[in-house]
Amino acid sequence: MEKFVLVIIDMQPLFESALNLDTIKACRREICIAIKNQCPIIFVECSNSVYGKTIYPLKNLVEDYNQAYFVDKWQNDGSHEIAELIRSIRKNSLKLRVCGVNVDVCLFDTVIGLREDFGKEIEIVADATNASSGKNEVMKTCRTLRQYGMRIVRKKYYERIHNERN
């Protein structure tokens, strides 16, 4: 698998959609893939302290990983903060893989901002995203993001890659 930067958005305890077990499991899978491939991981957190920090089931995976970064954002769109961090760690030639919540608000605004501001190839890992209004909103938003040129990746993609290698 080629190198990428994994961006995980707003997986914080007061976002109900961040506590969905399927979403957590899928985000954990993404983190493990990134670590295995020695890719940077950026956790984006809504800076309002009321939301808390990134949930422990994700944060504990990167406790000893030297390419894990945490960045605060001050609005729905965290693209400027992410782009600044990526440039500072000199990983701006890598594609971006994005997961987290809420796909219809913060994740949407951030990836649109990254596309416009940063001009990167962006993949949205649909299985590792969620919305406060549920998975139907995820699929609707993913269709919209595809129209903006984003690549939408699902678990079946991984199963196909795994089967091709074995």
N, C-alpha and C. Protein backbone atom coordinates (compact mmCIF):
# COMPACT_ATOMS: atom_id res chain seq x y z
N MET A 1 0.85 -1.18 0.00
CA MET A 1 0.00 0.00 0.00
C MET A 1 0.89 1.24 0.00
N GLU A 2 0.54 2.22 -0.81
CA GLU A 2 1.35 3.43 -0.86
C GLU A 2 1.17 4.28 0.39
N LYS A 3 2.13 5.16 0.61
CA LYS A 3 2.11 6.02 1.80
C LYS A 3 0.97 7.04 1.72
N PHE A 4 0.48 7.40 2.89
CA PHE A 4 -0.60 8.37 3.00
C PHE A 4 -0.52 9.03 4.37
N VAL A 5 -1.31 10.07 4.55
CA VAL A 5 -1.51 10.68 5.86
C VAL A 5 -2.94 10.36 6.27
N LEU A 6 -3.10 9.72 7.43
CA LEU A 6 -4.43 9.43 7.95
C LEU A 6 -4.89 10.60 8.79
N VAL A 7 -6.07 11.12 8.49
CA VAL A 7 -6.66 12.23 9.23
C VAL A 7 -7.94 11.73 9.89
N ILE A 8 -8.00 11.84 11.21
CA ILE A 8 -9.16 11.38 11.98
C ILE A 8 -9.80 12.61 12.62
N ILE A 9 -11.05 12.85 12.26
CA ILE A 9 -11.72 14.09 12.65
C ILE A 9 -12.75 13.88 13.75
N ASP A 10 -12.60 14.63 14.83
CA ASP A 10 -13.60 14.79 15.90
C ASP A 10 -14.09 13.50 16.56
N MET A 11 -13.23 12.54 16.75
CA MET A 11 -13.63 11.32 17.45
C MET A 11 -13.51 11.59 18.96
N GLN A 12 -14.43 12.43 19.43
CA GLN A 12 -14.43 12.92 20.81
C GLN A 12 -15.70 12.48 21.51
N PRO A 13 -15.65 12.27 22.84
CA PRO A 13 -16.74 11.61 23.55
C PRO A 13 -18.09 12.31 23.54
N LEU A 14 -18.15 13.60 23.39
CA LEU A 14 -19.46 14.25 23.40
C LEU A 14 -20.11 14.32 22.02
N PHE A 15 -19.45 13.77 21.01
CA PHE A 15 -20.10 13.58 19.72
C PHE A 15 -20.66 12.16 19.73
N GLU A 16 -21.96 12.04 19.84
CA GLU A 16 -22.60 10.72 19.97
C GLU A 16 -22.17 9.77 18.85
N SER A 17 -22.04 10.27 17.65
CA SER A 17 -21.68 9.41 16.52
C SER A 17 -20.25 8.87 16.66
N ALA A 18 -19.41 9.52 17.45
CA ALA A 18 -18.04 9.04 17.68
C ALA A 18 -18.01 7.84 18.62
N LEU A 19 -19.12 7.57 19.29
CA LEU A 19 -19.18 6.47 20.25
C LEU A 19 -19.79 5.21 19.64
N ASN A 20 -20.14 5.27 18.37
CA ASN A 20 -20.67 4.11 17.66
C ASN A 20 -19.58 3.05 17.55
N LEU A 21 -19.86 1.84 18.00
CA LEU A 21 -18.83 0.79 18.05
C LEU A 21 -18.30 0.41 16.68
N ASP A 22 -19.16 0.40 15.66
CA ASP A 22 -18.69 0.09 14.30
C ASP A 22 -17.74 1.17 13.79
N THR A 23 -18.06 2.41 14.09
CA THR A 23 -17.20 3.52 13.67
C THR A 23 -15.85 3.44 14.38
N ILE A 24 -15.87 3.17 15.67
CA ILE A 24 -14.63 3.04 16.44
C ILE A 24 -13.79 1.89 15.88
N LYS A 25 -14.41 0.76 15.65
CA LYS A 25 -13.69 -0.41 15.12
C LYS A 25 -13.06 -0.08 13.76
N ALA A 26 -13.80 0.59 12.90
CA ALA A 26 -13.27 0.94 11.58
C ALA A 26 -12.14 1.96 11.68
N CYS A 27 -12.26 2.92 12.59
CA CYS A 27 -11.17 3.89 12.79
C CYS A 27 -9.94 3.19 13.35
N ARG A 28 -10.13 2.25 14.25
CA ARG A 28 -9.00 1.48 14.79
C ARG A 28 -8.30 0.71 13.67
N ARG A 29 -9.08 0.14 12.77
CA ARG A 29 -8.51 -0.57 11.62
C ARG A 29 -7.64 0.38 10.79
N GLU A 30 -8.14 1.58 10.55
CA GLU A 30 -7.39 2.57 9.78
C GLU A 30 -6.09 2.95 10.48
N ILE A 31 -6.15 3.12 11.79
CA ILE A 31 -4.95 3.47 12.56
C ILE A 31 -3.92 2.34 12.45
N CYS A 32 -4.37 1.11 12.60
CA CYS A 32 -3.44 -0.04 12.51
C CYS A 32 -2.80 -0.13 11.13
N ILE A 33 -3.57 0.13 10.08
CA ILE A 33 -3.02 0.12 8.72
C ILE A 33 -1.98 1.23 8.57
N ALA A 34 -2.29 2.41 9.09
CA ALA A 34 -1.34 3.54 9.00
C ALA A 34 -0.05 3.22 9.75
N ILE A 35 -0.16 2.66 10.94
CA ILE A 35 1.03 2.32 11.72
C ILE A 35 1.85 1.26 10.99
N LYS A 36 1.19 0.24 10.49
CA LYS A 36 1.89 -0.83 9.77
C LYS A 36 2.67 -0.28 8.58
N ASN A 37 2.12 0.73 7.92
CA ASN A 37 2.76 1.33 6.74
C ASN A 37 3.60 2.54 7.08
N GLN A 38 3.79 2.80 8.39
CA GLN A 38 4.60 3.92 8.87
C GLN A 38 4.14 5.26 8.29
N CYS A 39 2.85 5.46 8.34
CA CYS A 39 2.24 6.69 7.83
C CYS A 39 1.88 7.62 8.99
N PRO A 40 1.98 8.92 8.77
CA PRO A 40 1.57 9.87 9.81
C PRO A 40 0.06 9.77 10.08
N ILE A 41 -0.31 10.02 11.32
CA ILE A 41 -1.71 10.03 11.73
C ILE A 41 -1.98 11.36 12.41
N ILE A 42 -3.00 12.06 11.94
CA ILE A 42 -3.37 13.36 12.51
C ILE A 42 -4.76 13.23 13.12
N PHE A 43 -4.85 13.48 14.42
CA PHE A 43 -6.13 13.53 15.11
C PHE A 43 -6.54 14.99 15.19
N VAL A 44 -7.70 15.30 14.65
CA VAL A 44 -8.21 16.67 14.65
C VAL A 44 -9.30 16.74 15.72
N GLU A 45 -9.16 17.71 16.62
CA GLU A 45 -10.10 17.83 17.73
C GLU A 45 -10.75 19.19 17.74
N CYS A 46 -12.07 19.18 17.95
CA CYS A 46 -12.79 20.43 18.15
C CYS A 46 -12.25 21.04 19.44
N SER A 47 -11.78 22.25 19.35
CA SER A 47 -11.03 22.83 20.46
C SER A 47 -11.86 23.18 21.68
N ASN A 48 -13.16 23.26 21.54
CA ASN A 48 -14.01 23.55 22.69
C ASN A 48 -13.87 22.40 23.68
N SER A 49 -13.36 22.67 24.85
CA SER A 49 -13.03 21.62 25.83
C SER A 49 -14.23 20.80 26.25
N VAL A 50 -15.43 21.27 26.02
CA VAL A 50 -16.62 20.53 26.42
C VAL A 50 -16.71 19.19 25.67
N TYR A 51 -16.13 19.08 24.49
CA TYR A 51 -16.20 17.86 23.70
C TYR A 51 -15.21 16.80 24.16
N GLY A 52 -14.23 17.19 24.94
CA GLY A 52 -13.22 16.25 25.41
C GLY A 52 -12.16 16.00 24.34
N LYS A 53 -11.22 15.15 24.68
CA LYS A 53 -10.14 14.78 23.76
C LYS A 53 -10.52 13.52 23.00
N THR A 54 -9.72 13.15 22.03
CA THR A 54 -9.96 11.94 21.24
C THR A 54 -10.20 10.75 22.16
N ILE A 55 -11.18 9.92 21.81
CA ILE A 55 -11.56 8.80 22.67
C ILE A 55 -10.41 7.82 22.85
N TYR A 56 -10.36 7.24 24.04
CA TYR A 56 -9.24 6.37 24.43
C TYR A 56 -9.05 5.16 23.51
N PRO A 57 -10.12 4.50 23.05
CA PRO A 57 -9.88 3.33 22.18
C PRO A 57 -9.09 3.64 20.91
N LEU A 58 -9.03 4.90 20.53
CA LEU A 58 -8.21 5.30 19.39
C LEU A 58 -6.85 5.83 19.84
N LYS A 59 -6.90 6.70 20.84
CA LYS A 59 -5.67 7.33 21.31
C LYS A 59 -4.67 6.32 21.87
N ASN A 60 -5.16 5.27 22.50
CA ASN A 60 -4.24 4.30 23.10
C ASN A 60 -3.45 3.53 22.05
N LEU A 61 -3.93 3.47 20.82
CA LEU A 61 -3.20 2.77 19.76
C LEU A 61 -1.93 3.51 19.34
N VAL A 62 -1.87 4.81 19.60
CA VAL A 62 -0.73 5.61 19.13
C VAL A 62 0.15 6.13 20.26
N GLU A 63 -0.04 5.63 21.47
CA GLU A 63 0.72 6.14 22.62
C GLU A 63 2.23 6.09 22.39
N ASP A 64 2.72 5.05 21.73
CA ASP A 64 4.16 4.92 21.50
C ASP A 64 4.54 5.10 20.03
N TYR A 65 3.65 5.69 19.26
CA TYR A 65 3.88 5.87 17.83
C TYR A 65 4.39 7.29 17.58
N ASN A 66 5.56 7.41 16.97
CA ASN A 66 6.19 8.74 16.84
C ASN A 66 5.67 9.56 15.66
N GLN A 67 4.69 9.05 14.95
CA GLN A 67 4.12 9.83 13.84
C GLN A 67 2.65 10.17 14.09
N ALA A 68 2.26 10.24 15.35
CA ALA A 68 0.89 10.62 15.70
C ALA A 68 0.89 12.08 16.14
N TYR A 69 -0.04 12.84 15.61
CA TYR A 69 -0.11 14.28 15.89
C TYR A 69 -1.55 14.63 16.27
N PHE A 70 -1.67 15.62 17.13
CA PHE A 70 -2.99 16.12 17.55
C PHE A 70 -3.05 17.60 17.21
N VAL A 71 -4.14 18.01 16.59
CA VAL A 71 -4.30 19.41 16.20
C VAL A 71 -5.70 19.88 16.59
N ASP A 72 -5.76 21.09 17.15
CA ASP A 72 -7.05 21.70 17.49
C ASP A 72 -7.56 22.49 16.30
N LYS A 73 -8.88 22.44 16.13
CA LYS A 73 -9.52 23.30 15.13
C LYS A 73 -10.55 24.17 15.85
N TRP A 74 -10.78 25.33 15.30
CA TRP A 74 -11.64 26.31 15.97
C TRP A 74 -12.98 26.50 15.28
N GLN A 75 -13.19 25.78 14.18
CA GLN A 75 -14.45 25.86 13.44
C GLN A 75 -14.69 24.50 12.78
N ASN A 76 -15.79 24.35 12.07
CA ASN A 76 -16.07 23.07 11.42
C ASN A 76 -14.95 22.65 10.48
N ASP A 77 -14.42 23.59 9.73
CA ASP A 77 -13.38 23.32 8.74
C ASP A 77 -12.01 23.39 9.41
N GLY A 78 -11.37 22.23 9.55
CA GLY A 78 -10.04 22.17 10.14
C GLY A 78 -8.94 22.06 9.10
N SER A 79 -9.24 22.38 7.84
CA SER A 79 -8.28 22.15 6.76
C SER A 79 -7.02 23.00 6.89
N HIS A 80 -7.14 24.22 7.33
CA HIS A 80 -5.95 25.08 7.43
C HIS A 80 -4.98 24.55 8.49
N GLU A 81 -5.51 24.10 9.61
CA GLU A 81 -4.68 23.55 10.67
C GLU A 81 -4.00 22.26 10.21
N ILE A 82 -4.75 21.42 9.49
CA ILE A 82 -4.19 20.16 8.98
C ILE A 82 -3.11 20.43 7.95
N ALA A 83 -3.39 21.32 7.00
CA ALA A 83 -2.42 21.63 5.94
C ALA A 83 -1.14 22.20 6.54
N GLU A 84 -1.27 23.06 7.53
CA GLU A 84 -0.10 23.64 8.19
C GLU A 84 0.74 22.56 8.86
N LEU A 85 0.09 21.64 9.55
CA LEU A 85 0.81 20.55 10.21
C LEU A 85 1.48 19.65 9.18
N ILE A 86 0.78 19.29 8.12
CA ILE A 86 1.35 18.41 7.09
C ILE A 86 2.59 19.06 6.47
N ARG A 87 2.50 20.32 6.21
CA ARG A 87 3.67 21.01 5.65
C ARG A 87 4.83 21.03 6.65
N SER A 88 4.52 21.21 7.93
CA SER A 88 5.59 21.29 8.94
C SER A 88 6.29 19.95 9.14
N ILE A 89 5.58 18.85 8.91
CA ILE A 89 6.22 17.53 9.04
C ILE A 89 6.71 17.02 7.68
N ARG A 90 6.60 17.88 6.68
CA ARG A 90 7.11 17.59 5.33
C ARG A 90 6.54 16.32 4.72
N LYS A 91 5.25 16.18 4.85
CA LYS A 91 4.57 15.02 4.26
C LYS A 91 3.55 15.47 3.21
N ASN A 92 3.76 16.65 2.63
CA ASN A 92 2.76 17.21 1.73
C ASN A 92 2.69 16.53 0.37
N SER A 93 3.57 15.56 0.10
CA SER A 93 3.47 14.85 -1.17
C SER A 93 2.60 13.61 -1.06
N LEU A 94 2.10 13.30 0.12
CA LEU A 94 1.31 12.09 0.33
C LEU A 94 -0.17 12.37 0.16
N LYS A 95 -0.89 11.33 -0.25
CA LYS A 95 -2.34 11.45 -0.33
C LYS A 95 -2.92 11.43 1.08
N LEU A 96 -4.16 11.86 1.21
CA LEU A 96 -4.84 11.92 2.50
C LEU A 96 -5.94 10.88 2.54
N ARG A 97 -6.04 10.20 3.67
CA ARG A 97 -7.17 9.29 3.95
C ARG A 97 -7.87 9.88 5.16
N VAL A 98 -9.18 10.05 5.08
CA VAL A 98 -9.91 10.77 6.11
C VAL A 98 -11.03 9.90 6.66
N CYS A 99 -11.18 9.94 7.99
CA CYS A 99 -12.29 9.27 8.65
C CYS A 99 -12.69 10.10 9.87
N GLY A 100 -13.77 9.70 10.54
CA GLY A 100 -14.22 10.40 11.74
C GLY A 100 -15.66 10.87 11.64
N VAL A 101 -15.99 11.88 12.42
CA VAL A 101 -17.35 12.40 12.50
C VAL A 101 -17.31 13.93 12.49
N ASN A 102 -18.35 14.55 12.34
CA ASN A 102 -19.59 14.16 11.71
C ASN A 102 -19.43 14.42 10.22
N VAL A 103 -19.64 13.38 9.45
CA VAL A 103 -19.31 13.41 8.02
C VAL A 103 -20.07 14.51 7.28
N ASP A 104 -21.26 14.84 7.74
CA ASP A 104 -22.09 15.82 7.04
C ASP A 104 -21.80 17.26 7.46
N VAL A 105 -20.92 17.46 8.44
CA VAL A 105 -20.61 18.81 8.89
C VAL A 105 -19.09 19.02 8.90
N CYS A 106 -18.45 18.65 9.98
CA CYS A 106 -17.01 18.93 10.14
C CYS A 106 -16.14 18.18 9.13
N LEU A 107 -16.40 16.90 8.93
CA LEU A 107 -15.60 16.16 7.97
C LEU A 107 -15.81 16.72 6.57
N PHE A 108 -17.04 16.97 6.21
CA PHE A 108 -17.35 17.54 4.89
C PHE A 108 -16.62 18.87 4.68
N ASP A 109 -16.81 19.79 5.61
CA ASP A 109 -16.19 21.12 5.48
C ASP A 109 -14.66 21.02 5.42
N THR A 110 -14.10 20.10 6.20
CA THR A 110 -12.64 19.96 6.24
C THR A 110 -12.09 19.42 4.93
N VAL A 111 -12.70 18.37 4.39
CA VAL A 111 -12.15 17.80 3.15
C VAL A 111 -12.37 18.73 1.96
N ILE A 112 -13.45 19.47 1.96
CA ILE A 112 -13.64 20.46 0.89
C ILE A 112 -12.57 21.54 1.02
N GLY A 113 -12.30 21.97 2.24
CA GLY A 113 -11.23 22.95 2.47
C GLY A 113 -9.87 22.40 2.08
N LEU A 114 -9.60 21.15 2.41
CA LEU A 114 -8.31 20.55 2.03
C LEU A 114 -8.17 20.46 0.53
N ARG A 115 -9.24 20.11 -0.15
CA ARG A 115 -9.21 20.01 -1.61
C ARG A 115 -8.92 21.37 -2.23
N GLU A 116 -9.58 22.38 -1.73
CA GLU A 116 -9.41 23.72 -2.29
C GLU A 116 -8.10 24.37 -1.84
N ASP A 117 -7.76 24.17 -0.59
CA ASP A 117 -6.61 24.84 0.00
C ASP A 117 -5.30 24.08 -0.20
N PHE A 118 -5.40 22.76 -0.28
CA PHE A 118 -4.20 21.93 -0.23
C PHE A 118 -3.99 21.14 -1.52
N GLY A 119 -5.07 20.90 -2.26
CA GLY A 119 -4.97 20.24 -3.55
C GLY A 119 -4.44 18.83 -3.52
N LYS A 120 -4.84 18.05 -2.56
CA LYS A 120 -4.34 16.68 -2.41
C LYS A 120 -5.36 15.67 -2.92
N GLU A 121 -4.84 14.46 -3.23
CA GLU A 121 -5.73 13.33 -3.47
C GLU A 121 -6.30 12.94 -2.12
N ILE A 122 -7.62 12.86 -2.05
CA ILE A 122 -8.28 12.61 -0.77
C ILE A 122 -9.19 11.40 -0.89
N GLU A 123 -9.02 10.46 0.04
CA GLU A 123 -9.90 9.31 0.15
C GLU A 123 -10.71 9.44 1.43
N ILE A 124 -12.00 9.18 1.34
CA ILE A 124 -12.87 9.15 2.50
C ILE A 124 -13.14 7.68 2.80
N VAL A 125 -12.83 7.24 4.00
CA VAL A 125 -13.07 5.85 4.39
C VAL A 125 -14.48 5.78 4.97
N ALA A 126 -15.44 5.45 4.11
CA ALA A 126 -16.86 5.52 4.48
C ALA A 126 -17.19 4.69 5.71
N ASP A 127 -16.61 3.50 5.83
CA ASP A 127 -16.91 2.64 6.98
C ASP A 127 -16.43 3.24 8.29
N ALA A 128 -15.46 4.13 8.21
CA ALA A 128 -14.87 4.73 9.41
C ALA A 128 -15.36 6.16 9.61
N THR A 129 -16.56 6.44 9.10
CA THR A 129 -17.17 7.74 9.32
C THR A 129 -18.57 7.53 9.90
N ASN A 130 -19.12 8.59 10.45
CA ASN A 130 -20.47 8.52 10.96
C ASN A 130 -21.04 9.94 11.01
N ALA A 131 -22.34 10.00 11.22
CA ALA A 131 -23.03 11.28 11.34
C ALA A 131 -24.05 11.18 12.46
N SER A 132 -24.36 12.30 13.08
CA SER A 132 -25.31 12.29 14.18
C SER A 132 -26.68 11.81 13.71
N SER A 133 -26.97 11.98 12.43
CA SER A 133 -28.26 11.54 11.90
C SER A 133 -28.20 10.13 11.32
N GLY A 134 -27.05 9.45 11.42
CA GLY A 134 -26.97 8.04 11.04
C GLY A 134 -26.27 7.76 9.73
N LYS A 135 -26.18 6.47 9.42
CA LYS A 135 -25.44 6.00 8.26
C LYS A 135 -26.06 6.42 6.93
N ASN A 136 -27.37 6.65 6.88
CA ASN A 136 -27.97 7.14 5.63
C ASN A 136 -27.38 8.48 5.24
N GLU A 137 -27.14 9.32 6.24
CA GLU A 137 -26.51 10.62 5.98
C GLU A 137 -25.07 10.43 5.52
N VAL A 138 -24.39 9.43 6.04
CA VAL A 138 -23.02 9.13 5.61
C VAL A 138 -23.01 8.84 4.12
N MET A 139 -23.91 7.95 3.68
CA MET A 139 -23.92 7.57 2.27
C MET A 139 -24.31 8.76 1.38
N LYS A 140 -25.26 9.54 1.81
CA LYS A 140 -25.67 10.73 1.05
C LYS A 140 -24.50 11.70 0.92
N THR A 141 -23.82 11.95 2.02
CA THR A 141 -22.69 12.88 2.01
C THR A 141 -21.53 12.33 1.18
N CYS A 142 -21.29 11.04 1.26
CA CYS A 142 -20.23 10.42 0.45
C CYS A 142 -20.51 10.57 -1.04
N ARG A 143 -21.77 10.43 -1.43
CA ARG A 143 -22.12 10.64 -2.85
C ARG A 143 -21.80 12.07 -3.26
N THR A 144 -22.10 13.02 -2.38
CA THR A 144 -21.80 14.43 -2.68
C THR A 144 -20.30 14.65 -2.77
N LEU A 145 -19.56 14.07 -1.83
CA LEU A 145 -18.10 14.23 -1.84
C LEU A 145 -17.48 13.61 -3.08
N ARG A 146 -18.04 12.53 -3.57
CA ARG A 146 -17.55 11.92 -4.81
C ARG A 146 -17.69 12.92 -5.96
N GLN A 147 -18.77 13.69 -5.97
CA GLN A 147 -18.97 14.70 -7.01
C GLN A 147 -17.92 15.80 -6.93
N TYR A 148 -17.34 16.00 -5.76
CA TYR A 148 -16.25 16.97 -5.58
C TYR A 148 -14.88 16.36 -5.90
N GLY A 149 -14.87 15.13 -6.34
CA GLY A 149 -13.61 14.50 -6.73
C GLY A 149 -12.94 13.66 -5.66
N MET A 150 -13.62 13.44 -4.54
CA MET A 150 -13.06 12.60 -3.49
C MET A 150 -13.26 11.13 -3.86
N ARG A 151 -12.34 10.31 -3.43
CA ARG A 151 -12.47 8.87 -3.63
C ARG A 151 -13.09 8.29 -2.36
N ILE A 152 -14.14 7.51 -2.52
CA ILE A 152 -14.82 6.90 -1.38
C ILE A 152 -14.37 5.45 -1.29
N VAL A 153 -13.85 5.05 -0.12
CA VAL A 153 -13.31 3.72 0.10
C VAL A 153 -14.17 3.02 1.14
N ARG A 154 -14.46 1.75 0.90
CA ARG A 154 -15.23 0.95 1.85
C ARG A 154 -14.47 -0.32 2.22
N LYS A 155 -14.96 -1.05 3.20
CA LYS A 155 -14.31 -2.27 3.68
C LYS A 155 -14.10 -3.28 2.54
N LYS A 156 -15.04 -3.35 1.62
CA LYS A 156 -14.90 -4.29 0.50
C LYS A 156 -13.62 -4.03 -0.27
N TYR A 157 -13.19 -2.78 -0.30
CA TYR A 157 -11.92 -2.43 -0.96
C TYR A 157 -10.77 -3.20 -0.29
N TYR A 158 -10.75 -3.20 1.02
CA TYR A 158 -9.69 -3.89 1.75
C TYR A 158 -9.76 -5.39 1.53
N GLU A 159 -10.98 -5.93 1.54
CA GLU A 159 -11.14 -7.36 1.32
C GLU A 159 -10.62 -7.74 -0.07
N ARG A 160 -10.89 -6.93 -1.08
CA ARG A 160 -10.40 -7.21 -2.43
C ARG A 160 -8.88 -7.16 -2.48
N ILE A 161 -8.28 -6.15 -1.87
CA ILE A 161 -6.82 -6.02 -1.85
C ILE A 161 -6.20 -7.24 -1.16
N HIS A 162 -6.79 -7.63 -0.01
CA HIS A 162 -6.28 -8.77 0.75
C HIS A 162 -6.36 -10.05 -0.10
N ASN A 163 -7.50 -10.26 -0.76
CA ASN A 163 -7.68 -11.45 -1.58
C ASN A 163 -6.73 -11.47 -2.77
N GLU A 164 -6.42 -10.32 -3.34
CA GLU A 164 -5.50 -10.25 -4.47
C GLU A 164 -4.08 -10.62 -4.03
N ARG A 165 -3.73 -10.31 -2.79
CA ARG A 165 -2.37 -10.59 -2.30
C ARG A 165 -2.20 -12.05 -1.89
N ASN A 166 -3.29 -12.72 -1.54
CA ASN A 166 -3.21 -14.12 -1.07
C ASN A 166 -3.50 -15.11 -2.17
